[in-house]
Structure formats: C-alpha cells, structure tokens
Amino acid sequence: MDIVCIKGSWNVILSEDADGNLEGVLVYHLRKHLGFRIILMPMQTPYNGIYILHKEEHKTSSRIAYENHVSEKLLSALPTHALYYQQYSPQIQNLLSHTWLEYKHTSRYTYLLDLTNKSEEELWNQLKAKARNTIRKAMKLSVIKEIDFSVFWDHCETSFVNKKQNNPYSKEVLSKLYDHYSLSGSCKIYACIGNEDSKIFGATFCINDNDTTYYMSGYHNPAYDDIGAMSYLLWYNITHTDSLTFDFEGSMIKPIEYFFRAFGGELTPHHKVWKVNNPILKLALKFKKLPFLDW
C-alpha cells in the first residue's frame, strides 16, 4: 500500500471477537480531492477493501450472519469521509450489510484459472482450439525472455502511441512494484521476442503471492498483431508460476473478455462498492463524474 497510495495515505481497520481473535480487516486509501476526504482504490490495485477470516465450523446460515456482522463493524469504524469507493476481492460476495447501510454496488467480472494440481497438458486441453493454434504459431516465430522494467516501459509507451491511445498505466507505481517484488521473484516481466530480428512483439507484467498470480499490465506491438504474442505470453505466465490460481484481472470490454475466455478460466464476479456521504458532492456527481470513478 505504501507503493500504490502515492496521492494520499492508507490505513487498516481490524475487527476482533470477544477473545481478541481477528475476524476481518478493512484496508482503505484516503486522499483529498477538491477539499473532500475520499476513500478510493489505490493506483494499479485490482482489489482492496474488506477481507473476512472465516471460521471452519460455520454452517451456511452462521457464515452469512458472521459476514454481515463483521462487515458492518468494519464499515462503522471508518473515519469521516465524503465518498467511499472500493473494488472488492472475488472472495467477498455477501454485500447484504452494505445494502442495509445504503451502499451501492455493481458486479464486475474476471476470469480465474485454477492451476491446482493441473498438468501442462490438462491446461493446454482447456484452451480453445483457436488459442492453441495461435500459441503454436507464436512459438515458431518468437521466444519468451525476461526483461527489466526500463525496457518494458519504453516499448509500452511506444505501443500505445502507435495505437493512438493513452497509456493507462502509471510508470511511478509499476516501477516501484517491480523494484520491490522482483527482489523476491514475485514480479516477472516477460517479453515475446522475434527469432529473426529480436523485435519485441509484446510484454506482460505479473505479480504473484502464495495463492494467486495477477496479470497487472501488458501490451503488444500493433504492427505484429498476427504473431499471437499476447496469447503466447499469457500461456507462458500460466505455465511458469507456482501459484494455485491465475487471475486475468478480467475486463468488461467485449473483445478483451473474449480473448481471456479462451484460456479456460472460470467467469467470476466481484463487486465495486460506493457511497456518497456529502450532499454537496452527491449533487455535483449528478452533473460530472470524477475522473477516477468507474461505476
């Protein structure tokens, strides 16, 4: 959080039971905008907010009541703020307490690929036939190599310029994430490089923890769309991680969703949650949405 909260501060709220056992946490990024204190998603962060520690002996009804209780305790402990806006992990599916507290929420989707005890052959067979053919073609024309951040960023900038699009990534945040996590091997930048001229066709930036590898960012050179670089790169990341799950950081954009779906992951909902507490800000948002909000 120190790395990604570059425009404000962050804190965490703990919920404990009567015996002092941890029940859940609420991580939040607090900053000021136009004089308003607002809680927002940090930059380049896929999920944030509430995390609940479940008890194994809970029955379904008890589990739901427990989630409601812990979520309400955490939300009620937040400091005074004009706006709350978070994107929760897919593990948080029960938003009843949020609804009762007049929070609004909308569903988003990602693809989660279960890698637990899966052989490379099993994963290969889960791919769509078109994806397998694309990867085979890319394997003949290119090789995957690890590159450093400076090379990644230079080509990333060029890629978006060539596509006449704004680069959606933050150099400051990604470089700090790379510097921190690459030391432990938890951050990998792979490039798809041509066999003949050593040109970089595309690259990916992934970070992993003990459970999940997250596809954080990537790009491809539009001049070589027919190579299949991104399919090859994602396949390489999937087959070269020790994580139990690969999270594609899904997309609601139809062509991107179609592309990710080809890898055989499970379509998984997660939720964006927000609440506007300040009446002046609430009125203002009816006429103009803040640039960092996406609901």
C-alpha atoms as a PDB file:
ATOM      1  CA  MET A   1       0.000   0.000   0.000  1.00  0.00           C
ATOM      2  CA  ASP A   2       2.933   2.347   0.591  1.00  0.00           C
ATOM      3  CA  ILE A   3       3.822   1.924  -3.095  1.00  0.00           C
ATOM      4  CA  VAL A   4       0.399   2.405  -4.667  1.00  0.00           C
ATOM      5  CA  CYS A   5      -1.036   5.141  -2.406  1.00  0.00           C
ATOM      6  CA  ILE A   6       1.023   7.919  -3.962  1.00  0.00           C
ATOM      7  CA  LYS A   7      -1.673  10.607  -3.703  1.00  0.00           C
ATOM      8  CA  GLY A   8      -2.710  10.125  -0.099  1.00  0.00           C
ATOM      9  CA  SER A   9      -2.394   7.865   2.910  1.00  0.00           C
ATOM     10  CA  TRP A  10      -3.705   4.458   3.836  1.00  0.00           C
ATOM     11  CA  ASN A  11      -4.852   2.655   6.949  1.00  0.00           C
ATOM     12  CA  VAL A  12      -6.441  -0.580   8.090  1.00  0.00           C
ATOM     13  CA  ILE A  13      -9.333  -1.292  10.439  1.00  0.00           C
ATOM     14  CA  LEU A  14      -9.365  -4.546  12.421  1.00  0.00           C
ATOM     15  CA  SER A  15     -12.386  -6.440  13.701  1.00  0.00           C
ATOM     16  CA  GLU A  16     -11.826  -8.802  16.626  1.00  0.00           C
ATOM     17  CA  ASP A  17     -14.142 -11.089  18.564  1.00  0.00           C
ATOM     18  CA  ALA A  18     -14.574 -11.052  22.342  1.00  0.00           C
ATOM     19  CA  ASP A  19     -11.472 -13.214  22.771  1.00  0.00           C
ATOM     20  CA  GLY A  20      -9.301 -10.950  20.652  1.00  0.00           C
ATOM     21  CA  ASN A  21      -9.289 -13.224  17.619  1.00  0.00           C
ATOM     22  CA  LEU A  22      -9.119 -11.443  14.280  1.00  0.00           C
ATOM     23  CA  GLU A  23     -12.391 -11.613  12.310  1.00  0.00           C
ATOM     24  CA  GLY A  24     -11.709  -9.314   9.389  1.00  0.00           C
ATOM     25  CA  VAL A  25      -9.903  -6.247   8.093  1.00  0.00           C
ATOM     26  CA  LEU A  26     -10.804  -3.214   6.028  1.00  0.00           C
ATOM     27  CA  VAL A  27      -7.930  -1.672   4.101  1.00  0.00           C
ATOM     28  CA  TYR A  28      -8.521   1.777   2.658  1.00  0.00           C
ATOM     29  CA  HIS A  29      -6.742   4.559   0.766  1.00  0.00           C
ATOM     30  CA  LEU A  30      -7.658   8.058   1.946  1.00  0.00           C
ATOM     31  CA  ARG A  31      -6.934  11.228  -0.017  1.00  0.00           C
ATOM     32  CA  LYS A  32      -8.297  14.726  -0.552  1.00  0.00           C
ATOM     33  CA  HIS A  33      -9.850  15.987  -3.769  1.00  0.00           C
ATOM     34  CA  LEU A  34     -11.280  19.490  -4.114  1.00  0.00           C
ATOM     35  CA  GLY A  35     -11.372  19.701  -0.329  1.00  0.00           C
ATOM     36  CA  PHE A  36     -13.317  16.429   0.112  1.00  0.00           C
ATOM     37  CA  ARG A  37     -11.910  13.490   2.107  1.00  0.00           C
ATOM     38  CA  ILE A  38     -12.477  10.465  -0.089  1.00  0.00           C
ATOM     39  CA  ILE A  39     -11.717   6.759   0.123  1.00  0.00           C
ATOM     40  CA  LEU A  40     -10.606   5.415  -3.258  1.00  0.00           C
ATOM     41  CA  MET A  41      -8.945   2.475  -4.928  1.00  0.00           C
ATOM     42  CA  PRO A  42      -5.149   2.852  -4.972  1.00  0.00           C
ATOM     43  CA  MET A  43      -3.465   3.009  -8.378  1.00  0.00           C
ATOM     44  CA  GLN A  44      -2.707  -0.269 -10.200  1.00  0.00           C
ATOM     45  CA  THR A  45      -4.536  -2.235  -7.485  1.00  0.00           C
ATOM     46  CA  PRO A  46      -7.008  -4.901  -8.615  1.00  0.00           C
ATOM     47  CA  TYR A  47      -8.799  -5.416  -5.288  1.00  0.00           C
ATOM     48  CA  ASN A  48      -8.967  -3.670  -1.937  1.00  0.00           C
ATOM     49  CA  GLY A  49     -11.340  -3.155   0.966  1.00  0.00           C
ATOM     50  CA  ILE A  50     -12.840  -5.823   3.196  1.00  0.00           C
ATOM     51  CA  TYR A  51     -11.299  -9.222   3.866  1.00  0.00           C
ATOM     52  CA  ILE A  52     -13.029 -11.665   6.208  1.00  0.00           C
ATOM     53  CA  LEU A  53     -11.389 -14.528   8.108  1.00  0.00           C
ATOM     54  CA  HIS A  54     -13.906 -17.349   8.182  1.00  0.00           C
ATOM     55  CA  LYS A  55     -14.242 -19.978  10.861  1.00  0.00           C
ATOM     56  CA  GLU A  56     -14.192 -23.513   9.518  1.00  0.00           C
ATOM     57  CA  GLU A  57     -17.026 -24.747  11.729  1.00  0.00           C
ATOM     58  CA  HIS A  58     -19.551 -22.216  10.415  1.00  0.00           C
ATOM     59  CA  LYS A  59     -22.747 -23.569   8.896  1.00  0.00           C
ATOM     60  CA  THR A  60     -24.135 -21.659   5.928  1.00  0.00           C
ATOM     61  CA  SER A  61     -26.603 -19.600   7.970  1.00  0.00           C
ATOM     62  CA  SER A  62     -23.985 -18.865  10.618  1.00  0.00           C
ATOM     63  CA  ARG A  63     -21.435 -17.906   7.978  1.00  0.00           C
ATOM     64  CA  ILE A  64     -23.781 -15.365   6.402  1.00  0.00           C
ATOM     65  CA  ALA A  65     -24.629 -13.846   9.784  1.00  0.00           C
ATOM     66  CA  TYR A  66     -20.925 -13.708  10.639  1.00  0.00           C
ATOM     67  CA  GLU A  67     -20.081 -11.938   7.355  1.00  0.00           C
ATOM     68  CA  ASN A  68     -22.883  -9.423   7.911  1.00  0.00           C
ATOM     69  CA  HIS A  69     -21.726  -8.722  11.461  1.00  0.00           C
ATOM     70  CA  VAL A  70     -18.037  -8.314  10.639  1.00  0.00           C
ATOM     71  CA  SER A  71     -18.670  -6.155   7.546  1.00  0.00           C
ATOM     72  CA  GLU A  72     -20.934  -3.808   9.500  1.00  0.00           C
ATOM     73  CA  LYS A  73     -18.381  -3.491  12.322  1.00  0.00           C
ATOM     74  CA  LEU A  74     -15.620  -2.620   9.858  1.00  0.00           C
ATOM     75  CA  LEU A  75     -17.639  -0.078   7.881  1.00  0.00           C
ATOM     76  CA  SER A  76     -18.887   1.656  11.027  1.00  0.00           C
ATOM     77  CA  ALA A  77     -15.285   2.205  12.168  1.00  0.00           C
ATOM     78  CA  LEU A  78     -14.259   4.219   9.090  1.00  0.00           C
ATOM     79  CA  PRO A  79     -13.146   7.818   9.642  1.00  0.00           C
ATOM     80  CA  THR A  80     -15.363  10.654   8.427  1.00  0.00           C
ATOM     81  CA  HIS A  81     -15.330  10.769   4.634  1.00  0.00           C
ATOM     82  CA  ALA A  82     -17.335  12.261   1.773  1.00  0.00           C
ATOM     83  CA  LEU A  83     -17.046   9.310  -0.593  1.00  0.00           C
ATOM     84  CA  TYR A  84     -16.311   5.582  -0.295  1.00  0.00           C
ATOM     85  CA  TYR A  85     -15.304   3.723  -3.456  1.00  0.00           C
ATOM     86  CA  GLN A  86     -13.656   0.291  -3.424  1.00  0.00           C
ATOM     87  CA  GLN A  87     -13.360  -2.771  -5.624  1.00  0.00           C
ATOM     88  CA  TYR A  88     -13.602  -5.916  -3.524  1.00  0.00           C
ATOM     89  CA  SER A  89     -11.874  -9.243  -3.995  1.00  0.00           C
ATOM     90  CA  PRO A  90     -13.951 -12.036  -5.591  1.00  0.00           C
ATOM     91  CA  GLN A  91     -13.946 -13.715  -2.161  1.00  0.00           C
ATOM     92  CA  ILE A  92     -16.395 -11.037  -0.948  1.00  0.00           C
ATOM     93  CA  GLN A  93     -19.788 -11.934  -2.376  1.00  0.00           C
ATOM     94  CA  ASN A  94     -22.109 -11.141   0.531  1.00  0.00           C
ATOM     95  CA  LEU A  95     -22.986  -7.432   0.437  1.00  0.00           C
ATOM     96  CA  LEU A  96     -26.170  -7.559   2.492  1.00  0.00           C
ATOM     97  CA  SER A  97     -24.764  -5.369   5.262  1.00  0.00           C
ATOM     98  CA  HIS A  98     -23.619  -2.846   2.657  1.00  0.00           C
ATOM     99  CA  THR A  99     -27.118  -2.696   1.195  1.00  0.00           C
ATOM    100  CA  TRP A 100     -28.652  -2.172   4.633  1.00  0.00           C
ATOM    101  CA  LEU A 101     -26.160   0.655   5.224  1.00  0.00           C
ATOM    102  CA  GLU A 102     -27.194   2.229   1.887  1.00  0.00           C
ATOM    103  CA  TYR A 103     -24.022   1.470  -0.032  1.00  0.00           C
ATOM    104  CA  LYS A 104     -24.457   0.909  -3.754  1.00  0.00           C
ATOM    105  CA  HIS A 105     -22.670  -1.802  -5.684  1.00  0.00           C
ATOM    106  CA  THR A 106     -22.336  -3.249  -9.154  1.00  0.00           C
ATOM    107  CA  SER A 107     -20.946  -6.528 -10.426  1.00  0.00           C
ATOM    108  CA  ARG A 108     -17.764  -6.790 -12.472  1.00  0.00           C
ATOM    109  CA  TYR A 109     -16.157  -9.945 -13.830  1.00  0.00           C
ATOM    110  CA  THR A 110     -12.753 -11.530 -14.027  1.00  0.00           C
ATOM    111  CA  TYR A 111     -11.533 -14.937 -15.163  1.00  0.00           C
ATOM    112  CA  LEU A 112      -9.838 -17.124 -12.558  1.00  0.00           C
ATOM    113  CA  LEU A 113      -7.905 -20.111 -13.843  1.00  0.00           C
ATOM    114  CA  ASP A 114      -7.479 -22.892 -11.279  1.00  0.00           C
ATOM    115  CA  LEU A 115      -3.944 -24.283 -11.518  1.00  0.00           C
ATOM    116  CA  THR A 116      -4.182 -26.636  -8.530  1.00  0.00           C
ATOM    117  CA  ASN A 117      -2.599 -29.998  -9.394  1.00  0.00           C
ATOM    118  CA  LYS A 118      -3.072 -29.255 -13.117  1.00  0.00           C
ATOM    119  CA  SER A 119      -0.526 -30.610 -15.563  1.00  0.00           C
ATOM    120  CA  GLU A 120       0.541 -28.527 -18.543  1.00  0.00           C
ATOM    121  CA  GLU A 121      -1.307 -30.994 -20.775  1.00  0.00           C
ATOM    122  CA  GLU A 122      -4.542 -30.502 -18.824  1.00  0.00           C
ATOM    123  CA  LEU A 123      -4.203 -26.723 -19.045  1.00  0.00           C
ATOM    124  CA  TRP A 124      -3.442 -26.965 -22.761  1.00  0.00           C
ATOM    125  CA  ASN A 125      -6.579 -29.020 -23.350  1.00  0.00           C
ATOM    126  CA  GLN A 126      -8.658 -26.357 -21.585  1.00  0.00           C
ATOM    127  CA  LEU A 127      -7.659 -23.766 -24.186  1.00  0.00           C
ATOM    128  CA  LYS A 128      -9.922 -23.012 -27.104  1.00  0.00           C
ATOM    129  CA  ALA A 129      -8.655 -24.566 -30.337  1.00  0.00           C
ATOM    130  CA  LYS A 130      -8.070 -21.120 -31.826  1.00  0.00           C
ATOM    131  CA  ALA A 131      -5.906 -20.129 -28.837  1.00  0.00           C
ATOM    132  CA  ARG A 132      -3.823 -23.313 -29.179  1.00  0.00           C
ATOM    133  CA  ASN A 133      -3.219 -22.617 -32.859  1.00  0.00           C
ATOM    134  CA  THR A 134      -2.247 -19.000 -32.117  1.00  0.00           C
ATOM    135  CA  ILE A 135       0.224 -20.083 -29.426  1.00  0.00           C
ATOM    136  CA  ARG A 136       1.768 -22.735 -31.698  1.00  0.00           C
ATOM    137  CA  LYS A 137       2.313 -20.094 -34.375  1.00  0.00           C
ATOM    138  CA  ALA A 138       3.910 -17.665 -31.910  1.00  0.00           C
ATOM    139  CA  MET A 139       6.194 -20.413 -30.587  1.00  0.00           C
ATOM    140  CA  LYS A 140       7.621 -20.920 -34.075  1.00  0.00           C
ATOM    141  CA  LEU A 141       8.268 -17.217 -34.660  1.00  0.00           C
ATOM    142  CA  SER A 142       9.383 -15.990 -31.242  1.00  0.00           C
ATOM    143  CA  VAL A 143      10.796 -16.780 -27.816  1.00  0.00           C
ATOM    144  CA  ILE A 144       9.814 -15.626 -24.322  1.00  0.00           C
ATOM    145  CA  LYS A 145      12.506 -13.894 -22.288  1.00  0.00           C
ATOM    146  CA  GLU A 146      12.531 -11.961 -19.026  1.00  0.00           C
ATOM    147  CA  ILE A 147      13.287  -8.240 -19.383  1.00  0.00           C
ATOM    148  CA  ASP A 148      13.793  -5.390 -16.926  1.00  0.00           C
ATOM    149  CA  PHE A 149      11.346  -2.591 -16.244  1.00  0.00           C
ATOM    150  CA  SER A 150      13.052   0.118 -18.301  1.00  0.00           C
ATOM    151  CA  VAL A 151      12.828  -1.976 -21.474  1.00  0.00           C
ATOM    152  CA  PHE A 152       9.230  -2.916 -20.664  1.00  0.00           C
ATOM    153  CA  TRP A 153       8.193   0.701 -20.164  1.00  0.00           C
ATOM    154  CA  ASP A 154       9.902   2.089 -23.261  1.00  0.00           C
ATOM    155  CA  HIS A 155       8.119  -0.392 -25.500  1.00  0.00           C
ATOM    156  CA  CYS A 156       4.861   0.044 -23.574  1.00  0.00           C
ATOM    157  CA  GLU A 157       4.874   3.779 -24.291  1.00  0.00           C
ATOM    158  CA  THR A 158       5.639   3.174 -27.959  1.00  0.00           C
ATOM    159  CA  SER A 159       2.864   0.604 -28.247  1.00  0.00           C
ATOM    160  CA  PHE A 160       0.169   2.972 -27.001  1.00  0.00           C
ATOM    161  CA  VAL A 161       1.489   5.819 -29.135  1.00  0.00           C
ATOM    162  CA  ASN A 162       1.277   3.578 -32.200  1.00  0.00           C
ATOM    163  CA  LYS A 163      -2.291   2.671 -31.302  1.00  0.00           C
ATOM    164  CA  LYS A 164      -3.078   6.362 -30.702  1.00  0.00           C
ATOM    165  CA  GLN A 165      -4.259   5.567 -27.181  1.00  0.00           C
ATOM    166  CA  ASN A 166      -3.386   6.980 -23.787  1.00  0.00           C
ATOM    167  CA  ASN A 167      -1.175   4.757 -21.674  1.00  0.00           C
ATOM    168  CA  PRO A 168      -3.424   3.667 -18.745  1.00  0.00           C
ATOM    169  CA  TYR A 169      -0.531   2.590 -16.535  1.00  0.00           C
ATOM    170  CA  SER A 170       1.490   4.580 -14.012  1.00  0.00           C
ATOM    171  CA  LYS A 171       5.239   4.416 -14.560  1.00  0.00           C
ATOM    172  CA  GLU A 172       5.924   5.509 -10.983  1.00  0.00           C
ATOM    173  CA  VAL A 173       3.744   2.804  -9.424  1.00  0.00           C
ATOM    174  CA  LEU A 174       4.731  -0.042 -11.731  1.00  0.00           C
ATOM    175  CA  SER A 175       8.443   0.726 -11.393  1.00  0.00           C
ATOM    176  CA  LYS A 176       8.201   0.725  -7.591  1.00  0.00           C
ATOM    177  CA  LEU A 177       6.208  -2.521  -7.627  1.00  0.00           C
ATOM    178  CA  TYR A 178       8.840  -4.085  -9.855  1.00  0.00           C
ATOM    179  CA  ASP A 179      11.753  -2.863  -7.739  1.00  0.00           C
ATOM    180  CA  HIS A 180      10.136  -4.224  -4.576  1.00  0.00           C
ATOM    181  CA  TYR A 181       8.697  -7.547  -5.704  1.00  0.00           C
ATOM    182  CA  SER A 182      11.281  -8.614  -8.258  1.00  0.00           C
ATOM    183  CA  LEU A 183      13.810  -8.990  -5.436  1.00  0.00           C
ATOM    184  CA  SER A 184      11.847 -11.963  -4.100  1.00  0.00           C
ATOM    185  CA  GLY A 185      10.928 -13.291  -7.534  1.00  0.00           C
ATOM    186  CA  SER A 186       7.282 -12.306  -7.039  1.00  0.00           C
ATOM    187  CA  CYS A 187       7.209  -9.950 -10.030  1.00  0.00           C
ATOM    188  CA  LYS A 188       8.017 -11.118 -13.540  1.00  0.00           C
ATOM    189  CA  ILE A 189       8.174  -9.141 -16.759  1.00  0.00           C
ATOM    190  CA  TYR A 190       8.235 -11.359 -19.828  1.00  0.00           C
ATOM    191  CA  ALA A 191       8.626 -10.247 -23.435  1.00  0.00           C
ATOM    192  CA  CYS A 192       7.782 -12.063 -26.649  1.00  0.00           C
ATOM    193  CA  ILE A 193      10.824 -11.515 -28.885  1.00  0.00           C
ATOM    194  CA  GLY A 194      11.112 -12.323 -32.575  1.00  0.00           C
ATOM    195  CA  ASN A 195      13.554 -15.059 -33.611  1.00  0.00           C
ATOM    196  CA  GLU A 196      14.819 -13.261 -36.696  1.00  0.00           C
ATOM    197  CA  ASP A 197      15.213  -9.603 -35.716  1.00  0.00           C
ATOM    198  CA  SER A 198      14.854  -9.683 -31.888  1.00  0.00           C
ATOM    199  CA  LYS A 199      11.973  -7.219 -32.022  1.00  0.00           C
ATOM    200  CA  ILE A 200       9.683  -7.132 -29.001  1.00  0.00           C
ATOM    201  CA  PHE A 201       6.182  -8.110 -30.100  1.00  0.00           C
ATOM    202  CA  GLY A 202       4.618  -7.661 -26.655  1.00  0.00           C
ATOM    203  CA  ALA A 203       5.204  -7.990 -22.923  1.00  0.00           C
ATOM    204  CA  THR A 204       3.405  -8.784 -19.661  1.00  0.00           C
ATOM    205  CA  PHE A 205       3.846  -7.609 -16.075  1.00  0.00           C
ATOM    206  CA  CYS A 206       2.634 -10.088 -13.426  1.00  0.00           C
ATOM    207  CA  ILE A 207       2.836 -10.207  -9.633  1.00  0.00           C
ATOM    208  CA  ASN A 208       2.173 -13.271  -7.514  1.00  0.00           C
ATOM    209  CA  ASP A 209       1.569 -14.096  -3.867  1.00  0.00           C
ATOM    210  CA  ASN A 210       1.305 -17.537  -2.264  1.00  0.00           C
ATOM    211  CA  ASP A 211      -2.082 -18.202  -3.833  1.00  0.00           C
ATOM    212  CA  THR A 212      -2.535 -16.146  -6.990  1.00  0.00           C
ATOM    213  CA  THR A 213      -0.660 -14.698  -9.939  1.00  0.00           C
ATOM    214  CA  TYR A 214      -2.159 -11.389 -11.078  1.00  0.00           C
ATOM    215  CA  TYR A 215      -1.901 -10.105 -14.636  1.00  0.00           C
ATOM    216  CA  MET A 216      -1.194  -6.452 -13.823  1.00  0.00           C
ATOM    217  CA  SER A 217      -0.413  -4.958 -17.204  1.00  0.00           C
ATOM    218  CA  GLY A 218       0.684  -5.765 -20.709  1.00  0.00           C
ATOM    219  CA  TYR A 219       0.874  -4.549 -24.268  1.00  0.00           C
ATOM    220  CA  HIS A 220       1.532  -5.713 -27.797  1.00  0.00           C
ATOM    221  CA  ASN A 221       3.005  -4.060 -30.863  1.00  0.00           C
ATOM    222  CA  PRO A 222       0.057  -3.443 -33.219  1.00  0.00           C
ATOM    223  CA  ALA A 223       2.349  -3.895 -36.224  1.00  0.00           C
ATOM    224  CA  TYR A 224       2.652  -7.585 -35.318  1.00  0.00           C
ATOM    225  CA  ASP A 225      -0.923  -8.452 -34.354  1.00  0.00           C
ATOM    226  CA  ASP A 226      -0.798 -11.646 -36.412  1.00  0.00           C
ATOM    227  CA  ILE A 227       2.080 -13.096 -34.359  1.00  0.00           C
ATOM    228  CA  GLY A 228      -0.117 -14.011 -31.367  1.00  0.00           C
ATOM    229  CA  ALA A 229       2.303 -12.556 -28.820  1.00  0.00           C
ATOM    230  CA  MET A 230      -0.204 -11.939 -26.016  1.00  0.00           C
ATOM    231  CA  SER A 231      -1.623 -15.456 -26.219  1.00  0.00           C
ATOM    232  CA  TYR A 232       1.885 -16.907 -26.020  1.00  0.00           C
ATOM    233  CA  LEU A 233       2.857 -14.577 -23.155  1.00  0.00           C
ATOM    234  CA  LEU A 234      -0.181 -15.398 -21.035  1.00  0.00           C
ATOM    235  CA  TRP A 235       0.300 -19.105 -21.686  1.00  0.00           C
ATOM    236  CA  TYR A 236       3.943 -18.787 -20.600  1.00  0.00           C
ATOM    237  CA  ASN A 237       2.949 -16.968 -17.403  1.00  0.00           C
ATOM    238  CA  ILE A 238       0.318 -19.597 -16.607  1.00  0.00           C
ATOM    239  CA  THR A 239       2.762 -22.475 -17.046  1.00  0.00           C
ATOM    240  CA  HIS A 240       5.673 -20.803 -15.217  1.00  0.00           C
ATOM    241  CA  THR A 241       4.073 -19.881 -11.920  1.00  0.00           C
ATOM    242  CA  ASP A 242       3.839 -21.789  -8.647  1.00  0.00           C
ATOM    243  CA  SER A 243       0.564 -20.078  -7.730  1.00  0.00           C
ATOM    244  CA  LEU A 244      -2.671 -22.006  -7.332  1.00  0.00           C
ATOM    245  CA  THR A 245      -4.701 -19.515  -9.392  1.00  0.00           C
ATOM    246  CA  PHE A 246      -4.121 -17.176 -12.319  1.00  0.00           C
ATOM    247  CA  ASP A 247      -6.233 -14.024 -12.229  1.00  0.00           C
ATOM    248  CA  PHE A 248      -6.634 -12.377 -15.635  1.00  0.00           C
ATOM    249  CA  GLU A 249      -7.854  -9.160 -13.986  1.00  0.00           C
ATOM    250  CA  GLY A 250     -10.850  -9.568 -16.282  1.00  0.00           C
ATOM    251  CA  SER A 251     -12.424  -6.938 -18.435  1.00  0.00           C
ATOM    252  CA  MET A 252     -15.913  -5.735 -19.220  1.00  0.00           C
ATOM    253  CA  ILE A 253     -14.694  -4.776 -22.702  1.00  0.00           C
ATOM    254  CA  LYS A 254     -16.168  -7.356 -25.063  1.00  0.00           C
ATOM    255  CA  PRO A 255     -13.120  -8.165 -27.247  1.00  0.00           C
ATOM    256  CA  ILE A 256     -10.829  -8.457 -24.190  1.00  0.00           C
ATOM    257  CA  GLU A 257     -13.317 -10.678 -22.375  1.00  0.00           C
ATOM    258  CA  TYR A 258     -13.498 -12.918 -25.447  1.00  0.00           C
ATOM    259  CA  PHE A 259      -9.700 -13.151 -25.530  1.00  0.00           C
ATOM    260  CA  PHE A 260      -9.361 -14.059 -21.827  1.00  0.00           C
ATOM    261  CA  ARG A 261     -12.197 -16.587 -22.025  1.00  0.00           C
ATOM    262  CA  ALA A 262     -10.158 -18.695 -24.447  1.00  0.00           C
ATOM    263  CA  PHE A 263      -7.800 -19.770 -21.667  1.00  0.00           C
ATOM    264  CA  GLY A 264     -10.411 -21.827 -19.833  1.00  0.00           C
ATOM    265  CA  GLY A 265     -10.764 -19.806 -16.655  1.00  0.00           C
ATOM    266  CA  GLU A 266     -13.916 -19.568 -14.572  1.00  0.00           C
ATOM    267  CA  LEU A 267     -16.016 -16.425 -15.053  1.00  0.00           C
ATOM    268  CA  THR A 268     -16.029 -14.944 -11.552  1.00  0.00           C
ATOM    269  CA  PRO A 269     -17.933 -11.906 -10.267  1.00  0.00           C
ATOM    270  CA  HIS A 270     -16.513  -9.293  -7.957  1.00  0.00           C
ATOM    271  CA  HIS A 271     -18.016  -6.037  -6.779  1.00  0.00           C
ATOM    272  CA  LYS A 272     -17.441  -2.313  -6.929  1.00  0.00           C
ATOM    273  CA  VAL A 273     -18.930  -0.665  -3.860  1.00  0.00           C
ATOM    274  CA  TRP A 274     -19.557   3.024  -3.246  1.00  0.00           C
ATOM    275  CA  LYS A 275     -21.398   5.501  -1.075  1.00  0.00           C
ATOM    276  CA  VAL A 276     -21.541   9.309  -1.231  1.00  0.00           C
ATOM    277  CA  ASN A 277     -21.980  10.825   2.234  1.00  0.00           C
ATOM    278  CA  ASN A 278     -21.542  14.511   1.455  1.00  0.00           C
ATOM    279  CA  PRO A 279     -24.692  16.142  -0.005  1.00  0.00           C
ATOM    280  CA  ILE A 280     -22.712  18.748  -1.954  1.00  0.00           C
ATOM    281  CA  LEU A 281     -20.552  16.083  -3.585  1.00  0.00           C
ATOM    282  CA  LYS A 282     -23.628  13.951  -4.231  1.00  0.00           C
ATOM    283  CA  LEU A 283     -25.241  16.835  -6.117  1.00  0.00           C
ATOM    284  CA  ALA A 284     -22.044  17.576  -8.043  1.00  0.00           C
ATOM    285  CA  LEU A 285     -21.701  13.948  -9.155  1.00  0.00           C
ATOM    286  CA  LYS A 286     -25.096  14.134 -10.826  1.00  0.00           C
ATOM    287  CA  PHE A 287     -23.608  16.545 -13.333  1.00  0.00           C
ATOM    288  CA  LYS A 288     -19.976  15.428 -13.591  1.00  0.00           C
ATOM    289  CA  LYS A 289     -18.272  12.192 -12.605  1.00  0.00           C
ATOM    290  CA  LEU A 290     -14.813  12.403 -11.087  1.00  0.00           C
ATOM    291  CA  PRO A 291     -12.140  11.051 -13.481  1.00  0.00           C
ATOM    292  CA  PHE A 292     -11.012   8.286 -11.115  1.00  0.00           C
ATOM    293  CA  LEU A 293     -14.505   6.845 -10.572  1.00  0.00           C
ATOM    294  CA  ASP A 294     -15.806   3.959 -12.647  1.00  0.00           C
ATOM    295  CA  TRP A 295     -19.194   2.639 -11.536  1.00  0.00           C
END
